[in-house]
PDB file of N, CA and C in Angstrom:
ATOM      1  N   MET A   1     144.627 186.872 130.620  1.00  0.00           N
ATOM      2  CA  MET A   1     144.240 185.456 130.402  1.00  0.00           C
ATOM      3  C   MET A   1     144.306 184.638 131.706  1.00  0.00           C
ATOM      4  N   GLU A   2     145.531 184.368 132.067  1.00  0.00           N
ATOM      5  CA  GLU A   2     145.461 183.132 133.442  1.00  0.00           C
ATOM      6  C   GLU A   2     144.310 183.675 134.283  1.00  0.00           C
ATOM      7  N   ALA A   3     143.397 184.768 134.886  1.00  0.00           N
ATOM      8  CA  ALA A   3     142.361 184.587 135.133  1.00  0.00           C
ATOM      9  C   ALA A   3     141.579 183.707 134.479  1.00  0.00           C
ATOM     10  N   VAL A   4     141.259 183.836 133.455  1.00  0.00           N
ATOM     11  CA  VAL A   4     140.104 183.363 132.620  1.00  0.00           C
ATOM     12  C   VAL A   4     140.104 181.778 132.746  1.00  0.00           C
ATOM     13  N   SER A   5     141.892 181.451 132.509  1.00  0.00           N
ATOM     14  CA  SER A   5     142.220 180.028 132.651  1.00  0.00           C
ATOM     15  C   SER A   5     142.067 179.068 134.044  1.00  0.00           C
ATOM     16  N   GLY A   6     142.212 180.292 135.182  1.00  0.00           N
ATOM     17  CA  GLY A   6     142.067 179.957 136.293  1.00  0.00           C
ATOM     18  C   GLY A   6     140.442 179.416 137.056  1.00  0.00           C
ATOM     19  N   ASP A   7     139.406 180.882 136.239  1.00  0.00           N
ATOM     20  CA  ASP A   7     138.282 180.236 136.171  1.00  0.00           C
ATOM     21  C   ASP A   7     137.564 179.197 135.920  1.00  0.00           C
ATOM     22  N   TYR A   8     138.142 178.818 134.354  1.00  0.00           N
ATOM     23  CA  TYR A   8     137.749 177.100 134.156  1.00  0.00           C
ATOM     24  C   TYR A   8     138.188 176.128 135.015  1.00  0.00           C
ATOM     25  N   ARG A   9     139.653 176.374 135.135  1.00  0.00           N
ATOM     26  CA  ARG A   9     139.902 175.146 136.057  1.00  0.00           C
ATOM     27  C   ARG A   9     138.976 175.185 137.245  1.00  0.00           C
ATOM     28  N   SER A  10     138.526 175.986 138.178  1.00  0.00           N
ATOM     29  CA  SER A  10     138.159 175.764 139.553  1.00  0.00           C
ATOM     30  C   SER A  10     136.323 175.260 139.124  1.00  0.00           C
ATOM     31  N   SER A  11     136.409 175.518 137.723  1.00  0.00           N
ATOM     32  CA  SER A  11     134.581 175.700 137.688  1.00  0.00           C
ATOM     33  C   SER A  11     134.351 174.262 137.043  1.00  0.00           C
ATOM     34  N   GLN A  12     135.655 173.358 136.732  1.00  0.00           N
ATOM     35  CA  GLN A  12     135.528 172.185 136.373  1.00  0.00           C
ATOM     36  C   GLN A  12     135.765 171.211 137.689  1.00  0.00           C
ATOM     37  N   SER A  13     136.431 172.107 138.689  1.00  0.00           N
ATOM     38  CA  SER A  13     136.981 171.074 139.755  1.00  0.00           C
ATOM     39  C   SER A  13     135.392 171.119 141.041  1.00  0.00           C
ATOM     40  N   ARG A  14     134.190 171.655 140.723  1.00  0.00           N
ATOM     41  CA  ARG A  14     133.211 171.637 141.377  1.00  0.00           C
ATOM     42  C   ARG A  14     132.451 171.235 140.951  1.00  0.00           C
ATOM     43  N   ARG A  15     132.798 170.157 140.520  1.00  0.00           N
ATOM     44  CA  ARG A  15     131.267 169.277 139.328  1.00  0.00           C
ATOM     45  C   ARG A  15     130.215 168.940 140.703  1.00  0.00           C
ATOM     46  N   LYS A  16     129.293 168.849 140.313  1.00  0.00           N
ATOM     47  CA  LYS A  16     128.193 168.184 141.075  1.00  0.00           C
ATOM     48  C   LYS A  16     127.669 167.029 141.062  1.00  0.00           C
ATOM     49  N   PRO A  17     126.952 166.106 141.598  1.00  0.00           N
ATOM     50  CA  PRO A  17     126.154 165.254 141.446  1.00  0.00           C
ATOM     51  C   PRO A  17     125.045 165.404 140.876  1.00  0.00           C
ATOM     52  N   ALA A  18     124.291 163.942 140.085  1.00  0.00           N
ATOM     53  CA  ALA A  18     122.739 164.409 139.462  1.00  0.00           C
ATOM     54  C   ALA A  18     121.873 164.307 140.718  1.00  0.00           C
ATOM     55  N   SER A  19     120.962 164.952 140.784  1.00  0.00           N
ATOM     56  CA  SER A  19     119.821 164.682 141.731  1.00  0.00           C
ATOM     57  C   SER A  19     119.508 163.291 141.963  1.00  0.00           C
ATOM     58  N   LYS A  20     119.483 162.779 143.221  1.00  0.00           N
ATOM     59  CA  LYS A  20     118.678 161.525 143.274  1.00  0.00           C
ATOM     60  C   LYS A  20     117.478 161.287 142.567  1.00  0.00           C
ATOM     61  N   ALA A  21     116.607 161.948 142.592  1.00  0.00           N
ATOM     62  CA  ALA A  21     115.180 161.768 141.656  1.00  0.00           C
ATOM     63  C   ALA A  21     115.450 161.467 140.554  1.00  0.00           C
ATOM     64  N   ILE A  22     116.715 162.325 139.744  1.00  0.00           N
ATOM     65  CA  ILE A  22     116.955 162.462 138.096  1.00  0.00           C
ATOM     66  C   ILE A  22     117.645 160.436 138.212  1.00  0.00           C
ATOM     67  N   VAL A  23     118.174 160.132 139.102  1.00  0.00           N
ATOM     68  CA  VAL A  23     119.154 159.028 138.880  1.00  0.00           C
ATOM     69  C   VAL A  23     117.793 157.606 139.273  1.00  0.00           C
ATOM     70  N   GLU A  24     116.996 157.898 140.025  1.00  0.00           N
ATOM     71  CA  GLU A  24     115.779 157.018 140.325  1.00  0.00           C
ATOM     72  C   GLU A  24     114.960 157.236 139.002  1.00  0.00           C
ATOM     73  N   ALA A  25     114.577 158.360 138.376  1.00  0.00           N
ATOM     74  CA  ALA A  25     113.840 157.842 137.212  1.00  0.00           C
ATOM     75  C   ALA A  25     114.147 157.135 136.266  1.00  0.00           C
ATOM     76  N   LEU A  26     115.641 157.043 136.003  1.00  0.00           N
ATOM     77  CA  LEU A  26     116.112 156.560 134.644  1.00  0.00           C
ATOM     78  C   LEU A  26     115.583 154.908 134.338  1.00  0.00           C
ATOM     79  N   ASP A  27     115.075 155.243 133.183  1.00  0.00           N
ATOM     80  CA  ASP A  27     114.854 153.858 132.711  1.00  0.00           C
ATOM     81  C   ASP A  27     115.868 152.999 131.990  1.00  0.00           C
ATOM     82  N   ALA A  28     115.993 151.739 131.869  1.00  0.00           N
ATOM     83  CA  ALA A  28     117.080 150.747 131.711  1.00  0.00           C
ATOM     84  C   ALA A  28     115.813 149.895 130.711  1.00  0.00           C
ATOM     85  N   PHE A  29     116.697 149.474 129.880  1.00  0.00           N
ATOM     86  CA  PHE A  29     116.545 149.052 128.372  1.00  0.00           C
ATOM     87  C   PHE A  29     117.511 147.933 128.200  1.00  0.00           C
ATOM     88  N   ILE A  30     116.949 146.731 127.682  1.00  0.00           N
ATOM     89  CA  ILE A  30     117.778 145.547 127.379  1.00  0.00           C
ATOM     90  C   ILE A  30     118.224 145.926 125.882  1.00  0.00           C
ATOM     91  N   LYS A  31     119.398 146.159 125.632  1.00  0.00           N
ATOM     92  CA  LYS A  31     119.701 146.247 123.927  1.00  0.00           C
ATOM     93  C   LYS A  31     119.459 145.065 122.879  1.00  0.00           C
ATOM     94  N   THR A  32     118.875 145.409 122.471  1.00  0.00           N
ATOM     95  CA  THR A  32     118.546 144.044 121.323  1.00  0.00           C
ATOM     96  C   THR A  32     118.952 144.566 119.970  1.00  0.00           C
ATOM     97  N   ASP A  33     119.654 143.486 119.611  1.00  0.00           N
ATOM     98  CA  ASP A  33     120.320 143.705 118.439  1.00  0.00           C
ATOM     99  C   ASP A  33     119.108 144.104 116.816  1.00  0.00           C
ATOM    100  N   GLY A  34     119.212 144.925 116.401  1.00  0.00           N
ATOM    101  CA  GLY A  34     118.341 145.455 115.409  1.00  0.00           C
ATOM    102  C   GLY A  34     117.146 145.970 115.630  1.00  0.00           C
ATOM    103  N   VAL A  35     117.489 146.379 117.151  1.00  0.00           N
ATOM    104  CA  VAL A  35     116.499 147.796 118.136  1.00  0.00           C
ATOM    105  C   VAL A  35     116.899 148.503 118.469  1.00  0.00           C
ATOM    106  N   ASN A  36     116.913 149.687 118.107  1.00  0.00           N
ATOM    107  CA  ASN A  36     117.723 150.243 118.574  1.00  0.00           C
ATOM    108  C   ASN A  36     117.494 151.970 119.238  1.00  0.00           C
ATOM    109  N   TYR A  37     115.711 151.783 119.407  1.00  0.00           N
ATOM    110  CA  TYR A  37     115.109 152.699 121.051  1.00  0.00           C
ATOM    111  C   TYR A  37     115.925 154.204 120.780  1.00  0.00           C
ATOM    112  N   GLY A  38     115.876 154.358 119.317  1.00  0.00           N
ATOM    113  CA  GLY A  38     115.739 155.990 118.676  1.00  0.00           C
ATOM    114  C   GLY A  38     117.398 156.489 118.412  1.00  0.00           C
ATOM    115  N   THR A  39     118.235 155.469 118.690  1.00  0.00           N
ATOM    116  CA  THR A  39     119.748 155.769 119.123  1.00  0.00           C
ATOM    117  C   THR A  39     120.046 154.750 118.304  1.00  0.00           C
ATOM    118  N   ASP A  40     121.702 154.747 117.642  1.00  0.00           N
ATOM    119  CA  ASP A  40     122.908 153.617 117.410  1.00  0.00           C
ATOM    120  C   ASP A  40     123.519 153.056 117.907  1.00  0.00           C
ATOM    121  N   ILE A  41     123.288 153.203 119.858  1.00  0.00           N
ATOM    122  CA  ILE A  41     124.639 152.899 120.610  1.00  0.00           C
ATOM    123  C   ILE A  41     125.390 152.155 120.105  1.00  0.00           C
ATOM    124  N   GLU A  42     126.517 152.124 120.256  1.00  0.00           N
ATOM    125  CA  GLU A  42     127.886 151.107 119.788  1.00  0.00           C
ATOM    126  C   GLU A  42     128.522 151.116 121.048  1.00  0.00           C
ATOM    127  N   PHE A  43     129.206 152.287 121.620  1.00  0.00           N
ATOM    128  CA  PHE A  43     129.923 152.294 122.297  1.00  0.00           C
ATOM    129  C   PHE A  43     129.642 153.280 123.905  1.00  0.00           C
ATOM    130  N   CYS A  44     130.045 152.521 124.920  1.00  0.00           N
ATOM    131  CA  CYS A  44     129.559 153.693 126.419  1.00  0.00           C
ATOM    132  C   CYS A  44     130.388 154.395 126.308  1.00  0.00           C
ATOM    133  N   VAL A  45     130.420 155.652 126.451  1.00  0.00           N
ATOM    134  CA  VAL A  45     131.294 156.579 126.221  1.00  0.00           C
ATOM    135  C   VAL A  45     131.881 156.963 128.155  1.00  0.00           C
ATOM    136  N   VAL A  46     131.018 156.043 129.361  1.00  0.00           N
ATOM    137  CA  VAL A  46     131.555 156.447 130.070  1.00  0.00           C
ATOM    138  C   VAL A  46     132.490 155.294 130.340  1.00  0.00           C
ATOM    139  N   CYS A  47     132.563 154.335 130.040  1.00  0.00           N
ATOM    140  CA  CYS A  47     133.983 152.906 130.142  1.00  0.00           C
ATOM    141  C   CYS A  47     134.184 152.607 128.802  1.00  0.00           C
ATOM    142  N   LEU A  48     133.712 153.219 127.931  1.00  0.00           N
ATOM    143  CA  LEU A  48     134.458 152.741 126.585  1.00  0.00           C
ATOM    144  C   LEU A  48     134.290 151.267 126.098  1.00  0.00           C
ATOM    145  N   GLU A  49     133.515 150.987 126.853  1.00  0.00           N
ATOM    146  CA  GLU A  49     133.692 149.040 126.181  1.00  0.00           C
ATOM    147  C   GLU A  49     132.018 149.338 125.132  1.00  0.00           C
ATOM    148  N   LYS A  50     132.368 148.064 124.641  1.00  0.00           N
ATOM    149  CA  LYS A  50     131.264 148.189 123.550  1.00  0.00           C
ATOM    150  C   LYS A  50     129.793 147.707 124.063  1.00  0.00           C
ATOM    151  N   VAL A  51     128.774 148.030 123.707  1.00  0.00           N
ATOM    152  CA  VAL A  51     127.552 147.963 124.194  1.00  0.00           C
ATOM    153  C   VAL A  51     126.981 146.239 123.329  1.00  0.00           C
ATOM    154  N   LEU A  52     126.596 145.484 124.367  1.00  0.00           N
ATOM    155  CA  LEU A  52     126.388 144.312 123.842  1.00  0.00           C
ATOM    156  C   LEU A  52     124.946 144.129 123.730  1.00  0.00           C
ATOM    157  N   SER A  53     124.696 143.028 122.737  1.00  0.00           N
ATOM    158  CA  SER A  53     122.792 142.237 123.136  1.00  0.00           C
ATOM    159  C   SER A  53     122.577 142.012 124.544  1.00  0.00           C
ATOM    160  N   GLY A  54     121.556 142.027 125.235  1.00  0.00           N
ATOM    161  CA  GLY A  54     121.682 141.431 125.937  1.00  0.00           C
ATOM    162  C   GLY A  54     121.915 142.519 127.173  1.00  0.00           C
ATOM    163  N   GLU A  55     122.759 143.679 127.355  1.00  0.00           N
ATOM    164  CA  GLU A  55     123.220 144.815 127.903  1.00  0.00           C
ATOM    165  C   GLU A  55     121.692 145.565 128.552  1.00  0.00           C
ATOM    166  N   GLN A  56     121.743 146.082 129.553  1.00  0.00           N
ATOM    167  CA  GLN A  56     121.130 146.990 129.959  1.00  0.00           C
ATOM    168  C   GLN A  56     121.679 148.822 129.761  1.00  0.00           C
ATOM    169  N   VAL A  57     121.106 149.396 128.801  1.00  0.00           N
ATOM    170  CA  VAL A  57     121.583 150.760 128.746  1.00  0.00           C
ATOM    171  C   VAL A  57     120.242 151.624 128.802  1.00  0.00           C
ATOM    172  N   THR A  58     120.788 152.736 129.364  1.00  0.00           N
ATOM    173  CA  THR A  58     119.683 153.805 130.189  1.00  0.00           C
ATOM    174  C   THR A  58     119.862 155.091 129.325  1.00  0.00           C
ATOM    175  N   PRO A  59     118.772 155.412 128.693  1.00  0.00           N
ATOM    176  CA  PRO A  59     119.012 157.108 128.300  1.00  0.00           C
ATOM    177  C   PRO A  59     118.568 158.131 129.202  1.00  0.00           C
ATOM    178  N   LEU A  60     119.458 159.410 128.711  1.00  0.00           N
ATOM    179  CA  LEU A  60     119.176 160.379 129.628  1.00  0.00           C
ATOM    180  C   LEU A  60     118.215 161.212 128.790  1.00  0.00           C
ATOM    181  N   PRO A  61     117.279 162.316 129.664  1.00  0.00           N
ATOM    182  CA  PRO A  61     116.662 163.283 129.043  1.00  0.00           C
ATOM    183  C   PRO A  61     117.447 163.680 127.859  1.00  0.00           C
ATOM    184  N   CYS A  62     118.494 163.920 127.124  1.00  0.00           N
ATOM    185  CA  CYS A  62     119.191 164.209 125.884  1.00  0.00           C
ATOM    186  C   CYS A  62     119.069 163.465 124.849  1.00  0.00           C
ATOM    187  N   SER A  63     118.565 161.758 125.219  1.00  0.00           N
ATOM    188  CA  SER A  63     118.727 160.731 124.012  1.00  0.00           C
ATOM    189  C   SER A  63     119.961 159.945 123.699  1.00  0.00           C
ATOM    190  N   HIS A  64     120.929 160.384 124.479  1.00  0.00           N
ATOM    191  CA  HIS A  64     121.812 159.655 124.794  1.00  0.00           C
ATOM    192  C   HIS A  64     122.470 158.375 125.522  1.00  0.00           C
ATOM    193  N   MET A  65     122.415 157.217 125.113  1.00  0.00           N
ATOM    194  CA  MET A  65     122.232 156.341 125.952  1.00  0.00           C
ATOM    195  C   MET A  65     124.212 155.722 126.392  1.00  0.00           C
ATOM    196  N   PHE A  66     123.749 155.237 127.184  1.00  0.00           N
ATOM    197  CA  PHE A  66     125.064 154.401 128.393  1.00  0.00           C
ATOM    198  C   PHE A  66     124.539 153.369 128.429  1.00  0.00           C
ATOM    199  N   HIS A  67     125.393 152.418 128.884  1.00  0.00           N
ATOM    200  CA  HIS A  67     125.369 151.340 130.442  1.00  0.00           C
ATOM    201  C   HIS A  67     124.354 152.128 131.521  1.00  0.00           C
ATOM    202  N   ALA A  68     123.625 151.057 131.631  1.00  0.00           N
ATOM    203  CA  ALA A  68     122.752 151.512 132.875  1.00  0.00           C
ATOM    204  C   ALA A  68     123.754 151.954 133.764  1.00  0.00           C
ATOM    205  N   GLN A  69     124.499 150.671 134.186  1.00  0.00           N
ATOM    206  CA  GLN A  69     125.107 150.879 135.405  1.00  0.00           C
ATOM    207  C   GLN A  69     126.336 152.453 135.368  1.00  0.00           C
ATOM    208  N   CYS A  70     126.702 152.189 134.120  1.00  0.00           N
ATOM    209  CA  CYS A  70     128.012 153.027 133.485  1.00  0.00           C
ATOM    210  C   CYS A  70     127.532 154.891 134.293  1.00  0.00           C
ATOM    211  N   VAL A  71     125.920 154.966 133.972  1.00  0.00           N
ATOM    212  CA  VAL A  71     125.743 156.336 133.642  1.00  0.00           C
ATOM    213  C   VAL A  71     125.198 156.546 135.237  1.00  0.00           C
ATOM    214  N   VAL A  72     125.081 155.717 136.260  1.00  0.00           N
ATOM    215  CA  VAL A  72     124.479 155.371 137.275  1.00  0.00           C
ATOM    216  C   VAL A  72     125.927 155.982 138.468  1.00  0.00           C
ATOM    217  N   GLU A  73     126.975 155.336 137.938  1.00  0.00           N
ATOM    218  CA  GLU A  73     128.541 156.164 138.950  1.00  0.00           C
ATOM    219  C   GLU A  73     128.789 157.414 138.055  1.00  0.00           C
ATOM    220  N   TRP A  74     128.608 157.318 136.903  1.00  0.00           N
ATOM    221  CA  TRP A  74     129.156 158.874 136.488  1.00  0.00           C
ATOM    222  C   TRP A  74     128.252 160.025 137.282  1.00  0.00           C
ATOM    223  N   PHE A  75     126.549 159.916 137.463  1.00  0.00           N
ATOM    224  CA  PHE A  75     125.912 160.737 137.944  1.00  0.00           C
ATOM    225  C   PHE A  75     126.613 160.801 139.651  1.00  0.00           C
ATOM    226  N   LYS A  76     126.847 160.160 140.123  1.00  0.00           N
ATOM    227  CA  LYS A  76     127.541 160.647 141.597  1.00  0.00           C
ATOM    228  C   LYS A  76     128.522 161.218 141.518  1.00  0.00           C
ATOM    229  N   SER A  77     129.185 161.429 140.532  1.00  0.00           N
ATOM    230  CA  SER A  77     130.588 163.079 140.366  1.00  0.00           C
ATOM    231  C   SER A  77     130.176 163.233 139.570  1.00  0.00           C
ATOM    232  N   GLY A  78     129.164 163.491 138.556  1.00  0.00           N
ATOM    233  CA  GLY A  78     128.753 165.098 137.441  1.00  0.00           C
ATOM    234  C   GLY A  78     127.044 165.004 137.210  1.00  0.00           C
ATOM    235  N   HIS A  79     126.898 165.913 136.933  1.00  0.00           N
ATOM    236  CA  HIS A  79     125.489 165.903 136.236  1.00  0.00           C
ATOM    237  C   HIS A  79     125.100 166.208 134.747  1.00  0.00           C
ATOM    238  N   PRO A  80     126.354 166.550 134.277  1.00  0.00           N
ATOM    239  CA  PRO A  80     125.888 166.842 132.520  1.00  0.00           C
ATOM    240  C   PRO A  80     126.185 165.245 131.602  1.00  0.00           C
ATOM    241  N   CYS A  81     126.021 165.301 130.766  1.00  0.00           N
ATOM    242  CA  CYS A  81     125.764 164.325 129.637  1.00  0.00           C
ATOM    243  C   CYS A  81     127.119 164.383 129.283  1.00  0.00           C
ATOM    244  N   LEU A  82     127.885 163.016 129.316  1.00  0.00           N
ATOM    245  CA  LEU A  82     129.169 163.429 128.401  1.00  0.00           C
ATOM    246  C   LEU A  82     129.294 163.488 126.847  1.00  0.00           C
ATOM    247  N   VAL A  83     128.388 163.234 126.671  1.00  0.00           N
ATOM    248  CA  VAL A  83     128.077 163.942 124.716  1.00  0.00           C
ATOM    249  C   VAL A  83     128.112 164.772 124.395  1.00  0.00           C
ATOM    250  N   CYS A  84     126.997 165.451 124.868  1.00  0.00           N
ATOM    251  CA  CYS A  84     126.560 166.513 124.302  1.00  0.00           C
ATOM    252  C   CYS A  84     126.390 167.606 125.400  1.00  0.00           C
ATOM    253  N   ARG A  85     126.900 167.674 126.858  1.00  0.00           N
ATOM    254  CA  ARG A  85     127.095 168.887 128.300  1.00  0.00           C
ATOM    255  C   ARG A  85     125.666 168.834 128.862  1.00  0.00           C
ATOM    256  N   PHE A  86     124.480 168.374 128.115  1.00  0.00           N
ATOM    257  CA  PHE A  86     123.099 168.694 128.694  1.00  0.00           C
ATOM    258  C   PHE A  86     123.226 168.271 130.288  1.00  0.00           C
ATOM    259  N   GLU A  87     122.622 169.409 130.632  1.00  0.00           N
ATOM    260  CA  GLU A  87     122.809 169.197 132.420  1.00  0.00           C
ATOM    261  C   GLU A  87     121.867 168.844 132.714  1.00  0.00           C
ATOM    262  N   CYS A  88     121.641 167.596 133.643  1.00  0.00           N
ATOM    263  CA  CYS A  88     120.491 167.185 134.695  1.00  0.00           C
ATOM    264  C   CYS A  88     120.326 168.218 135.801  1.00  0.00           C
ATOM    265  N   PRO A  89     119.240 167.719 136.220  1.00  0.00           N
ATOM    266  CA  PRO A  89     119.311 168.322 137.770  1.00  0.00           C
ATOM    267  C   PRO A  89     120.135 168.412 138.685  1.00  0.00           C
ATOM    268  N   THR A  90     120.894 169.132 139.661  1.00  0.00           N
ATOM    269  CA  THR A  90     121.522 168.311 140.705  1.00  0.00           C
ATOM    270  C   THR A  90     120.768 168.640 142.202  1.00  0.00           C
ATOM    271  N   ASP A  91     120.557 168.674 142.985  1.00  0.00           N
ATOM    272  CA  ASP A  91     120.132 168.449 144.386  1.00  0.00           C
ATOM    273  C   ASP A  91     120.860 169.538 145.118  1.00  0.00           C
TER     274      ASP A  91
END
């Protein structure tokens, strides 16, 4: 059991940033009350703040949305979606 938990911890410490190409290709939308872009985002799970009307949001390929700037910052240190663990490409 010790070896398994050690392998898990070491894999967690080797997080890779998302590729620069995917970060540059991300779309950003302005959240508008009554328009949900296929999702009902209420909170950004990166910063844990409420997503307000008029703020920029960015969907990932898995369709989960975050504040636009939050997801760019997250991608500097990690590449999976924080909701479903969908793995975006790395360099």
